Amino acid sequence: MDCCMQKNFEIIKEYDPTPKNPDGSIRWFLYRWDDGKRGVRRLVRCQNCCTLYLVQAYHLHKFSEQKDTLFEDYYIVKDEHEADYLNRTYTGVQLEHKLIPTFRFR
């Protein structure tokens, strides 16, 4: 997994940051403070070891003097089916509370 820290990933799938209900309405934004334009989820594969990750990337908007900060959380998944399930089941905050990221880039 040390090779994964080099961020040499192939993007397998990009997920909609605003999952939809069956009627087409927005189910939720990825993060409650996100406008749906800056948070993303994607399924990636390390090009060295082939490990699959569900990546959740989001900007934490400034809350004082600090600049916006980009966070990228990487969660190991066994396959695309598991990544799809996690994506459609958990908001950004819920996913953070459900799983511990394998690693995080800031």
PDB file of N, CA and C in Angstrom:
ATOM      1  N   MET A   1       0.802  -1.195   0.000  1.00  0.00           N
ATOM      2  CA  MET A   1       0.000   0.000   0.000  1.00  0.00           C
ATOM      3  C   MET A   1       0.849   1.265   0.000  1.00  0.00           C
ATOM      4  N   ASP A   2       2.122   1.141   0.275  1.00  0.00           N
ATOM      5  CA  ASP A   2       2.985   2.319   0.209  1.00  0.00           C
ATOM      6  C   ASP A   2       2.961   2.927  -1.186  1.00  0.00           C
ATOM      7  N   CYS A   3       2.807   2.076  -2.191  1.00  0.00           N
ATOM      8  CA  CYS A   3       2.759   2.581  -3.564  1.00  0.00           C
ATOM      9  C   CYS A   3       1.550   3.499  -3.762  1.00  0.00           C
ATOM     10  N   CYS A   4       0.483   3.270  -3.017  1.00  0.00           N
ATOM     11  CA  CYS A   4      -0.735   4.065  -3.170  1.00  0.00           C
ATOM     12  C   CYS A   4      -0.526   5.507  -2.701  1.00  0.00           C
ATOM     13  N   MET A   5       0.428   5.722  -1.841  1.00  0.00           N
ATOM     14  CA  MET A   5       0.699   7.074  -1.350  1.00  0.00           C
ATOM     15  C   MET A   5       1.263   7.965  -2.455  1.00  0.00           C
ATOM     16  N   GLN A   6       1.663   7.363  -3.579  1.00  0.00           N
ATOM     17  CA  GLN A   6       2.177   8.135  -4.713  1.00  0.00           C
ATOM     18  C   GLN A   6       1.050   8.740  -5.548  1.00  0.00           C
ATOM     19  N   LYS A   7      -0.185   8.370  -5.246  1.00  0.00           N
ATOM     20  CA  LYS A   7      -1.380   8.868  -5.941  1.00  0.00           C
ATOM     21  C   LYS A   7      -1.331   8.587  -7.441  1.00  0.00           C
ATOM     22  N   ASN A   8      -0.907   7.401  -7.786  1.00  0.00           N
ATOM     23  CA  ASN A   8      -0.882   6.982  -9.182  1.00  0.00           C
ATOM     24  C   ASN A   8      -2.096   6.081  -9.414  1.00  0.00           C
ATOM     25  N   PHE A   9      -3.269   6.715  -9.640  1.00  0.00           N
ATOM     26  CA  PHE A   9      -4.531   5.994  -9.712  1.00  0.00           C
ATOM     27  C   PHE A   9      -5.175   6.105 -11.081  1.00  0.00           C
ATOM     28  N   GLU A  10      -5.883   5.052 -11.434  1.00  0.00           N
ATOM     29  CA  GLU A  10      -6.738   5.043 -12.618  1.00  0.00           C
ATOM     30  C   GLU A  10      -8.164   5.252 -12.118  1.00  0.00           C
ATOM     31  N   ILE A  11      -8.886   6.199 -12.700  1.00  0.00           N
ATOM     32  CA  ILE A  11     -10.280   6.432 -12.311  1.00  0.00           C
ATOM     33  C   ILE A  11     -11.148   5.394 -13.007  1.00  0.00           C
ATOM     34  N   ILE A  12     -11.871   4.620 -12.218  1.00  0.00           N
ATOM     35  CA  ILE A  12     -12.768   3.587 -12.737  1.00  0.00           C
ATOM     36  C   ILE A  12     -14.167   4.164 -12.951  1.00  0.00           C
ATOM     37  N   LYS A  13     -14.621   4.984 -11.991  1.00  0.00           N
ATOM     38  CA  LYS A  13     -15.985   5.515 -12.053  1.00  0.00           C
ATOM     39  C   LYS A  13     -16.053   6.820 -11.274  1.00  0.00           C
ATOM     40  N   GLU A  14     -16.789   7.780 -11.825  1.00  0.00           N
ATOM     41  CA  GLU A  14     -17.101   9.036 -11.132  1.00  0.00           C
ATOM     42  C   GLU A  14     -18.554   8.951 -10.671  1.00  0.00           C
ATOM     43  N   TYR A  15     -18.786   9.288  -9.414  1.00  0.00           N
ATOM     44  CA  TYR A  15     -20.150   9.274  -8.888  1.00  0.00           C
ATOM     45  C   TYR A  15     -20.724  10.685  -8.882  1.00  0.00           C
ATOM     46  N   ASP A  16     -22.029  10.772  -9.008  1.00  0.00           N
ATOM     47  CA  ASP A  16     -22.731  12.049  -8.943  1.00  0.00           C
ATOM     48  C   ASP A  16     -22.635  12.571  -7.502  1.00  0.00           C
ATOM     49  N   PRO A  17     -22.182  13.810  -7.298  1.00  0.00           N
ATOM     50  CA  PRO A  17     -22.082  14.352  -5.941  1.00  0.00           C
ATOM     51  C   PRO A  17     -23.443  14.679  -5.333  1.00  0.00           C
ATOM     52  N   THR A  18     -24.493  14.597  -6.132  1.00  0.00           N
ATOM     53  CA  THR A  18     -25.847  14.837  -5.636  1.00  0.00           C
ATOM     54  C   THR A  18     -26.721  13.641  -6.022  1.00  0.00           C
ATOM     55  N   PRO A  19     -26.633  12.541  -5.252  1.00  0.00           N
ATOM     56  CA  PRO A  19     -27.457  11.371  -5.583  1.00  0.00           C
ATOM     57  C   PRO A  19     -28.932  11.751  -5.678  1.00  0.00           C
ATOM     58  N   LYS A  20     -29.605  11.095  -6.593  1.00  0.00           N
ATOM     59  CA  LYS A  20     -31.003  11.428  -6.886  1.00  0.00           C
ATOM     60  C   LYS A  20     -31.970  10.378  -6.338  1.00  0.00           C
ATOM     61  N   ASN A  21     -33.171  10.837  -6.032  1.00  0.00           N
ATOM     62  CA  ASN A  21     -34.289   9.962  -5.694  1.00  0.00           C
ATOM     63  C   ASN A  21     -34.868   9.416  -6.998  1.00  0.00           C
ATOM     64  N   PRO A  22     -35.741   8.390  -6.920  1.00  0.00           N
ATOM     65  CA  PRO A  22     -36.356   7.855  -8.133  1.00  0.00           C
ATOM     66  C   PRO A  22     -37.100   8.908  -8.963  1.00  0.00           C
ATOM     67  N   ASP A  23     -37.626   9.955  -8.312  1.00  0.00           N
ATOM     68  CA  ASP A  23     -38.352  10.996  -9.053  1.00  0.00           C
ATOM     69  C   ASP A  23     -37.429  12.055  -9.665  1.00  0.00           C
ATOM     70  N   GLY A  24     -36.108  11.906  -9.462  1.00  0.00           N
ATOM     71  CA  GLY A  24     -35.148  12.844 -10.038  1.00  0.00           C
ATOM     72  C   GLY A  24     -34.737  13.981  -9.117  1.00  0.00           C
ATOM     73  N   SER A  25     -35.416  14.115  -7.982  1.00  0.00           N
ATOM     74  CA  SER A  25     -35.031  15.168  -7.039  1.00  0.00           C
ATOM     75  C   SER A  25     -33.719  14.783  -6.340  1.00  0.00           C
ATOM     76  N   ILE A  26     -33.029  15.786  -5.830  1.00  0.00           N
ATOM     77  CA  ILE A  26     -31.750  15.535  -5.165  1.00  0.00           C
ATOM     78  C   ILE A  26     -31.999  14.889  -3.811  1.00  0.00           C
ATOM     79  N   ARG A  27     -31.366  13.742  -3.601  1.00  0.00           N
ATOM     80  CA  ARG A  27     -31.505  13.021  -2.330  1.00  0.00           C
ATOM     81  C   ARG A  27     -30.718  13.724  -1.234  1.00  0.00           C
ATOM     82  N   TRP A  28     -29.468  14.117  -1.541  1.00  0.00           N
ATOM     83  CA  TRP A  28     -28.632  14.884  -0.624  1.00  0.00           C
ATOM     84  C   TRP A  28     -27.437  15.412  -1.385  1.00  0.00           C
ATOM     85  N   PHE A  29     -26.827  16.444  -0.822  1.00  0.00           N
ATOM     86  CA  PHE A  29     -25.524  16.882  -1.304  1.00  0.00           C
ATOM     87  C   PHE A  29     -24.502  16.015  -0.584  1.00  0.00           C
ATOM     88  N   LEU A  30     -23.350  15.839  -1.183  1.00  0.00           N
ATOM     89  CA  LEU A  30     -22.326  14.985  -0.579  1.00  0.00           C
ATOM     90  C   LEU A  30     -22.045  15.413   0.854  1.00  0.00           C
ATOM     91  N   TYR A  31     -21.901  16.706   1.056  1.00  0.00           N
ATOM     92  CA  TYR A  31     -21.710  17.248   2.405  1.00  0.00           C
ATOM     93  C   TYR A  31     -22.740  18.322   2.652  1.00  0.00           C
ATOM     94  N   ARG A  32     -23.151  18.469   3.898  1.00  0.00           N
ATOM     95  CA  ARG A  32     -24.211  19.429   4.203  1.00  0.00           C
ATOM     96  C   ARG A  32     -23.789  20.868   3.928  1.00  0.00           C
ATOM     97  N   TRP A  33     -22.479  21.166   3.969  1.00  0.00           N
ATOM     98  CA  TRP A  33     -22.033  22.530   3.683  1.00  0.00           C
ATOM     99  C   TRP A  33     -21.595  22.680   2.234  1.00  0.00           C
ATOM    100  N   ASP A  34     -21.718  21.633   1.478  1.00  0.00           N
ATOM    101  CA  ASP A  34     -21.276  21.640   0.091  1.00  0.00           C
ATOM    102  C   ASP A  34     -22.436  22.055  -0.801  1.00  0.00           C
ATOM    103  N   ASP A  35     -22.146  22.769  -1.864  1.00  0.00           N
ATOM    104  CA  ASP A  35     -23.196  23.198  -2.781  1.00  0.00           C
ATOM    105  C   ASP A  35     -23.415  22.185  -3.899  1.00  0.00           C
ATOM    106  N   GLY A  36     -22.783  21.027  -3.797  1.00  0.00           N
ATOM    107  CA  GLY A  36     -22.939  20.000  -4.814  1.00  0.00           C
ATOM    108  C   GLY A  36     -21.995  20.179  -5.978  1.00  0.00           C
ATOM    109  N   LYS A  37     -21.152  21.195  -5.952  1.00  0.00           N
ATOM    110  CA  LYS A  37     -20.253  21.460  -7.070  1.00  0.00           C
ATOM    111  C   LYS A  37     -18.804  21.136  -6.751  1.00  0.00           C
ATOM    112  N   ARG A  38     -18.473  21.007  -5.481  1.00  0.00           N
ATOM    113  CA  ARG A  38     -17.072  20.848  -5.131  1.00  0.00           C
ATOM    114  C   ARG A  38     -16.759  19.512  -4.459  1.00  0.00           C
ATOM    115  N   GLY A  39     -17.742  18.800  -4.004  1.00  0.00           N
ATOM    116  CA  GLY A  39     -17.518  17.483  -3.424  1.00  0.00           C
ATOM    117  C   GLY A  39     -17.654  16.410  -4.495  1.00  0.00           C
ATOM    118  N   VAL A  40     -16.793  15.420  -4.473  1.00  0.00           N
ATOM    119  CA  VAL A  40     -16.866  14.324  -5.448  1.00  0.00           C
ATOM    120  C   VAL A  40     -16.571  13.001  -4.770  1.00  0.00           C
ATOM    121  N   ARG A  41     -17.080  11.972  -5.384  1.00  0.00           N
ATOM    122  CA  ARG A  41     -16.704  10.603  -5.035  1.00  0.00           C
ATOM    123  C   ARG A  41     -16.330   9.911  -6.322  1.00  0.00           C
ATOM    124  N   ARG A  42     -15.339   9.046  -6.207  1.00  0.00           N
ATOM    125  CA  ARG A  42     -14.940   8.260  -7.375  1.00  0.00           C
ATOM    126  C   ARG A  42     -14.367   6.935  -6.904  1.00  0.00           C
ATOM    127  N   LEU A  43     -14.425   5.976  -7.787  1.00  0.00           N
ATOM    128  CA  LEU A  43     -13.794   4.686  -7.566  1.00  0.00           C
ATOM    129  C   LEU A  43     -12.497   4.711  -8.358  1.00  0.00           C
ATOM    130  N   VAL A  44     -11.381   4.411  -7.675  1.00  0.00           N
ATOM    131  CA  VAL A  44     -10.079   4.420  -8.337  1.00  0.00           C
ATOM    132  C   VAL A  44      -9.337   3.120  -8.053  1.00  0.00           C
ATOM    133  N   ARG A  45      -8.369   2.839  -8.911  1.00  0.00           N
ATOM    134  CA  ARG A  45      -7.517   1.654  -8.739  1.00  0.00           C
ATOM    135  C   ARG A  45      -6.063   2.113  -8.778  1.00  0.00           C
ATOM    136  N   CYS A  46      -5.294   1.645  -7.799  1.00  0.00           N
ATOM    137  CA  CYS A  46      -3.860   1.931  -7.786  1.00  0.00           C
ATOM    138  C   CYS A  46      -3.242   1.232  -8.993  1.00  0.00           C
ATOM    139  N   GLN A  47      -2.477   1.968  -9.770  1.00  0.00           N
ATOM    140  CA  GLN A  47      -1.891   1.393 -10.979  1.00  0.00           C
ATOM    141  C   GLN A  47      -0.709   0.482 -10.673  1.00  0.00           C
ATOM    142  N   ASN A  48      -0.258   0.485  -9.426  1.00  0.00           N
ATOM    143  CA  ASN A  48       0.852  -0.393  -9.053  1.00  0.00           C
ATOM    144  C   ASN A  48       0.379  -1.707  -8.435  1.00  0.00           C
ATOM    145  N   CYS A  49      -0.501  -1.626  -7.438  1.00  0.00           N
ATOM    146  CA  CYS A  49      -0.906  -2.842  -6.713  1.00  0.00           C
ATOM    147  C   CYS A  49      -2.348  -3.270  -6.997  1.00  0.00           C
ATOM    148  N   CYS A  50      -3.102  -2.475  -7.759  1.00  0.00           N
ATOM    149  CA  CYS A  50      -4.492  -2.767  -8.158  1.00  0.00           C
ATOM    150  C   CYS A  50      -5.506  -2.707  -7.016  1.00  0.00           C
ATOM    151  N   THR A  51      -5.152  -2.123  -5.884  1.00  0.00           N
ATOM    152  CA  THR A  51      -6.101  -1.943  -4.793  1.00  0.00           C
ATOM    153  C   THR A  51      -7.169  -0.948  -5.221  1.00  0.00           C
ATOM    154  N   LEU A  52      -8.431  -1.258  -4.911  1.00  0.00           N
ATOM    155  CA  LEU A  52      -9.554  -0.365  -5.223  1.00  0.00           C
ATOM    156  C   LEU A  52      -9.867   0.516  -4.015  1.00  0.00           C
ATOM    157  N   TYR A  53     -10.161   1.778  -4.309  1.00  0.00           N
ATOM    158  CA  TYR A  53     -10.521   2.734  -3.264  1.00  0.00           C
ATOM    159  C   TYR A  53     -11.760   3.511  -3.682  1.00  0.00           C
ATOM    160  N   LEU A  54     -12.642   3.743  -2.713  1.00  0.00           N
ATOM    161  CA  LEU A  54     -13.686   4.742  -2.866  1.00  0.00           C
ATOM    162  C   LEU A  54     -13.073   6.023  -2.322  1.00  0.00           C
ATOM    163  N   VAL A  55     -12.974   7.043  -3.169  1.00  0.00           N
ATOM    164  CA  VAL A  55     -12.370   8.311  -2.776  1.00  0.00           C
ATOM    165  C   VAL A  55     -13.481   9.323  -2.567  1.00  0.00           C
ATOM    166  N   GLN A  56     -13.410  10.003  -1.450  1.00  0.00           N
ATOM    167  CA  GLN A  56     -14.355  11.072  -1.154  1.00  0.00           C
ATOM    168  C   GLN A  56     -13.531  12.346  -1.009  1.00  0.00           C
ATOM    169  N   ALA A  57     -13.699  13.267  -1.927  1.00  0.00           N
ATOM    170  CA  ALA A  57     -12.945  14.518  -1.905  1.00  0.00           C
ATOM    171  C   ALA A  57     -13.924  15.674  -1.723  1.00  0.00           C
ATOM    172  N   TYR A  58     -13.546  16.616  -0.872  1.00  0.00           N
ATOM    173  CA  TYR A  58     -14.426  17.746  -0.604  1.00  0.00           C
ATOM    174  C   TYR A  58     -13.604  18.928  -0.114  1.00  0.00           C
ATOM    175  N   HIS A  59     -14.134  20.102  -0.351  1.00  0.00           N
ATOM    176  CA  HIS A  59     -13.529  21.325   0.145  1.00  0.00           C
ATOM    177  C   HIS A  59     -14.231  21.714   1.433  1.00  0.00           C
ATOM    178  N   LEU A  60     -13.443  21.959   2.446  1.00  0.00           N
ATOM    179  CA  LEU A  60     -13.985  22.504   3.686  1.00  0.00           C
ATOM    180  C   LEU A  60     -13.878  24.009   3.542  1.00  0.00           C
ATOM    181  N   HIS A  61     -15.010  24.663   3.445  1.00  0.00           N
ATOM    182  CA  HIS A  61     -15.027  26.105   3.221  1.00  0.00           C
ATOM    183  C   HIS A  61     -14.483  26.826   4.436  1.00  0.00           C
ATOM    184  N   LYS A  62     -13.899  27.981   4.201  1.00  0.00           N
ATOM    185  CA  LYS A  62     -13.270  28.702   5.304  1.00  0.00           C
ATOM    186  C   LYS A  62     -14.281  29.104   6.368  1.00  0.00           C
ATOM    187  N   PHE A  63     -13.833  28.957   7.596  1.00  0.00           N
ATOM    188  CA  PHE A  63     -14.671  29.295   8.740  1.00  0.00           C
ATOM    189  C   PHE A  63     -14.077  30.438   9.546  1.00  0.00           C
ATOM    190  N   SER A  64     -13.047  31.058   9.059  1.00  0.00           N
ATOM    191  CA  SER A  64     -12.450  32.221   9.721  1.00  0.00           C
ATOM    192  C   SER A  64     -11.406  32.776   8.774  1.00  0.00           C
ATOM    193  N   GLU A  65     -10.190  32.826   9.203  1.00  0.00           N
ATOM    194  CA  GLU A  65      -9.100  33.350   8.393  1.00  0.00           C
ATOM    195  C   GLU A  65      -8.506  32.281   7.478  1.00  0.00           C
ATOM    196  N   GLN A  66      -8.858  31.020   7.695  1.00  0.00           N
ATOM    197  CA  GLN A  66      -8.254  29.924   6.939  1.00  0.00           C
ATOM    198  C   GLN A  66      -8.805  29.860   5.521  1.00  0.00           C
ATOM    199  N   LYS A  67      -7.949  29.368   4.612  1.00  0.00           N
ATOM    200  CA  LYS A  67      -8.378  29.147   3.238  1.00  0.00           C
ATOM    201  C   LYS A  67      -9.200  27.867   3.156  1.00  0.00           C
ATOM    202  N   ASP A  68      -9.914  27.716   2.049  1.00  0.00           N
ATOM    203  CA  ASP A  68     -10.588  26.449   1.796  1.00  0.00           C
ATOM    204  C   ASP A  68      -9.537  25.349   1.773  1.00  0.00           C
ATOM    205  N   THR A  69      -9.878  24.210   2.316  1.00  0.00           N
ATOM    206  CA  THR A  69      -8.947  23.095   2.365  1.00  0.00           C
ATOM    207  C   THR A  69      -9.576  21.906   1.645  1.00  0.00           C
ATOM    208  N   LEU A  70      -8.815  21.296   0.750  1.00  0.00           N
ATOM    209  CA  LEU A  70      -9.274  20.104   0.053  1.00  0.00           C
ATOM    210  C   LEU A  70      -8.873  18.876   0.863  1.00  0.00           C
ATOM    211  N   PHE A  71      -9.845  18.029   1.151  1.00  0.00           N
ATOM    212  CA  PHE A  71      -9.591  16.751   1.814  1.00  0.00           C
ATOM    213  C   PHE A  71      -9.907  15.646   0.824  1.00  0.00           C
ATOM    214  N   GLU A  72      -9.087  14.628   0.785  1.00  0.00           N
ATOM    215  CA  GLU A  72      -9.338  13.436  -0.014  1.00  0.00           C
ATOM    216  C   GLU A  72      -9.195  12.231   0.906  1.00  0.00           C
ATOM    217  N   ASP A  73     -10.311  11.556   1.152  1.00  0.00           N
ATOM    218  CA  ASP A  73     -10.326  10.359   1.993  1.00  0.00           C
ATOM    219  C   ASP A  73     -10.380   9.135   1.092  1.00  0.00           C
ATOM    220  N   TYR A  74      -9.532   8.147   1.370  1.00  0.00           N
ATOM    221  CA  TYR A  74      -9.438   6.922   0.577  1.00  0.00           C
ATOM    222  C   TYR A  74      -9.881   5.739   1.435  1.00  0.00           C
ATOM    223  N   TYR A  75     -10.931   5.053   0.981  1.00  0.00           N
ATOM    224  CA  TYR A  75     -11.472   3.890   1.682  1.00  0.00           C
ATOM    225  C   TYR A  75     -11.266   2.661   0.795  1.00  0.00           C
ATOM    226  N   ILE A  76     -10.583   1.648   1.309  1.00  0.00           N
ATOM    227  CA  ILE A  76     -10.405   0.417   0.531  1.00  0.00           C
ATOM    228  C   ILE A  76     -11.762  -0.262   0.380  1.00  0.00           C
ATOM    229  N   VAL A  77     -12.061  -0.702  -0.836  1.00  0.00           N
ATOM    230  CA  VAL A  77     -13.266  -1.481  -1.109  1.00  0.00           C
ATOM    231  C   VAL A  77     -12.862  -2.756  -1.838  1.00  0.00           C
ATOM    232  N   LYS A  78     -13.674  -3.802  -1.662  1.00  0.00           N
ATOM    233  CA  LYS A  78     -13.309  -5.088  -2.278  1.00  0.00           C
ATOM    234  C   LYS A  78     -13.644  -5.136  -3.766  1.00  0.00           C
ATOM    235  N   ASP A  79     -14.687  -4.361  -4.163  1.00  0.00           N
ATOM    236  CA  ASP A  79     -15.082  -4.384  -5.574  1.00  0.00           C
ATOM    237  C   ASP A  79     -15.985  -3.183  -5.876  1.00  0.00           C
ATOM    238  N   GLU A  80     -16.367  -3.066  -7.126  1.00  0.00           N
ATOM    239  CA  GLU A  80     -17.208  -1.957  -7.562  1.00  0.00           C
ATOM    240  C   GLU A  80     -18.579  -2.001  -6.897  1.00  0.00           C
ATOM    241  N   HIS A  81     -19.098  -3.194  -6.666  1.00  0.00           N
ATOM    242  CA  HIS A  81     -20.403  -3.347  -6.022  1.00  0.00           C
ATOM    243  C   HIS A  81     -20.396  -2.707  -4.622  1.00  0.00           C
ATOM    244  N   GLU A  82     -19.354  -2.953  -3.842  1.00  0.00           N
ATOM    245  CA  GLU A  82     -19.269  -2.367  -2.501  1.00  0.00           C
ATOM    246  C   GLU A  82     -19.175  -0.841  -2.590  1.00  0.00           C
ATOM    247  N   ALA A  83     -18.379  -0.330  -3.530  1.00  0.00           N
ATOM    248  CA  ALA A  83     -18.247   1.116  -3.695  1.00  0.00           C
ATOM    249  C   ALA A  83     -19.593   1.738  -4.065  1.00  0.00           C
ATOM    250  N   ASP A  84     -20.326   1.100  -4.976  1.00  0.00           N
ATOM    251  CA  ASP A  84     -21.650   1.592  -5.372  1.00  0.00           C
ATOM    252  C   ASP A  84     -22.600   1.621  -4.185  1.00  0.00           C
ATOM    253  N   TYR A  85     -22.571   0.565  -3.367  1.00  0.00           N
ATOM    254  CA  TYR A  85     -23.432   0.493  -2.192  1.00  0.00           C
ATOM    255  C   TYR A  85     -23.118   1.635  -1.216  1.00  0.00           C
ATOM    256  N   LEU A  86     -21.841   1.823  -0.910  1.00  0.00           N
ATOM    257  CA  LEU A  86     -21.445   2.886   0.019  1.00  0.00           C
ATOM    258  C   LEU A  86     -21.853   4.252  -0.529  1.00  0.00           C
ATOM    259  N   ASN A  87     -21.679   4.455  -1.825  1.00  0.00           N
ATOM    260  CA  ASN A  87     -22.011   5.741  -2.430  1.00  0.00           C
ATOM    261  C   ASN A  87     -23.496   6.047  -2.343  1.00  0.00           C
ATOM    262  N   ARG A  88     -24.338   5.079  -2.601  1.00  0.00           N
ATOM    263  CA  ARG A  88     -25.783   5.378  -2.618  1.00  0.00           C
ATOM    264  C   ARG A  88     -26.409   5.334  -1.220  1.00  0.00           C
ATOM    265  N   THR A  89     -25.685   4.809  -0.233  1.00  0.00           N
ATOM    266  CA  THR A  89     -26.250   4.627   1.100  1.00  0.00           C
ATOM    267  C   THR A  89     -25.861   5.713   2.096  1.00  0.00           C
ATOM    268  N   TYR A  90     -24.660   6.284   1.963  1.00  0.00           N
ATOM    269  CA  TYR A  90     -24.147   7.186   2.995  1.00  0.00           C
ATOM    270  C   TYR A  90     -23.817   8.573   2.464  1.00  0.00           C
ATOM    271  N   THR A  91     -24.280   9.595   3.195  1.00  0.00           N
ATOM    272  CA  THR A  91     -23.839  10.956   2.914  1.00  0.00           C
ATOM    273  C   THR A  91     -22.356  11.035   3.264  1.00  0.00           C
ATOM    274  N   GLY A  92     -21.739  12.166   2.957  1.00  0.00           N
ATOM    275  CA  GLY A  92     -20.329  12.339   3.272  1.00  0.00           C
ATOM    276  C   GLY A  92     -20.035  12.202   4.758  1.00  0.00           C
ATOM    277  N   VAL A  93     -20.837  12.847   5.579  1.00  0.00           N
ATOM    278  CA  VAL A  93     -20.637  12.800   7.025  1.00  0.00           C
ATOM    279  C   VAL A  93     -20.895  11.390   7.549  1.00  0.00           C
ATOM    280  N   GLN A  94     -21.944  10.733   7.067  1.00  0.00           N
ATOM    281  CA  GLN A  94     -22.249   9.371   7.512  1.00  0.00           C
ATOM    282  C   GLN A  94     -21.121   8.408   7.159  1.00  0.00           C
ATOM    283  N   LEU A  95     -20.553   8.551   5.963  1.00  0.00           N
ATOM    284  CA  LEU A  95     -19.461   7.675   5.558  1.00  0.00           C
ATOM    285  C   LEU A  95     -18.253   7.864   6.468  1.00  0.00           C
ATOM    286  N   GLU A  96     -17.951   9.115   6.807  1.00  0.00           N
ATOM    287  CA  GLU A  96     -16.845   9.385   7.731  1.00  0.00           C
ATOM    288  C   GLU A  96     -17.061   8.726   9.086  1.00  0.00           C
ATOM    289  N   HIS A  97     -18.304   8.663   9.550  1.00  0.00           N
ATOM    290  CA  HIS A  97     -18.593   8.055  10.847  1.00  0.00           C
ATOM    291  C   HIS A  97     -18.689   6.533  10.760  1.00  0.00           C
ATOM    292  N   LYS A  98     -18.997   6.018   9.587  1.00  0.00           N
ATOM    293  CA  LYS A  98     -19.138   4.569   9.394  1.00  0.00           C
ATOM    294  C   LYS A  98     -17.777   3.896   9.230  1.00  0.00           C
ATOM    295  N   LEU A  99     -16.910   4.501   8.437  1.00  0.00           N
ATOM    296  CA  LEU A  99     -15.617   3.898   8.110  1.00  0.00           C
ATOM    297  C   LEU A  99     -14.472   4.842   8.457  1.00  0.00           C
ATOM    298  N   ILE A 100     -13.331   4.269   8.735  1.00  0.00           N
ATOM    299  CA  ILE A 100     -12.121   5.053   8.944  1.00  0.00           C
ATOM    300  C   ILE A 100     -11.340   5.030   7.634  1.00  0.00           C
ATOM    301  N   PRO A 101     -10.982   6.216   7.104  1.00  0.00           N
ATOM    302  CA  PRO A 101     -10.229   6.209   5.846  1.00  0.00           C
ATOM    303  C   PRO A 101      -8.918   5.451   5.992  1.00  0.00           C
ATOM    304  N   THR A 102      -8.529   4.745   4.942  1.00  0.00           N
ATOM    305  CA  THR A 102      -7.242   4.068   4.922  1.00  0.00           C
ATOM    306  C   THR A 102      -6.140   5.115   4.994  1.00  0.00           C
ATOM    307  N   PHE A 103      -6.328   6.208   4.264  1.00  0.00           N
ATOM    308  CA  PHE A 103      -5.453   7.372   4.379  1.00  0.00           C
ATOM    309  C   PHE A 103      -6.187   8.594   3.870  1.00  0.00           C
ATOM    310  N   ARG A 104      -5.623   9.759   4.205  1.00  0.00           N
ATOM    311  CA  ARG A 104      -6.223  11.037   3.827  1.00  0.00           C
ATOM    312  C   ARG A 104      -5.126  11.950   3.308  1.00  0.00           C
ATOM    313  N   PHE A 105      -5.450  12.640   2.207  1.00  0.00           N
ATOM    314  CA  PHE A 105      -4.571  13.679   1.694  1.00  0.00           C
ATOM    315  C   PHE A 105      -5.234  15.016   1.966  1.00  0.00           C
ATOM    316  N   ARG A 106      -4.444  16.012   2.290  1.00  0.00           N
ATOM    317  CA  ARG A 106      -4.939  17.366   2.537  1.00  0.00           C
ATOM    318  C   ARG A 106      -4.236  18.311   1.615  1.00  0.00           C
TER     319      ARG A 106
END
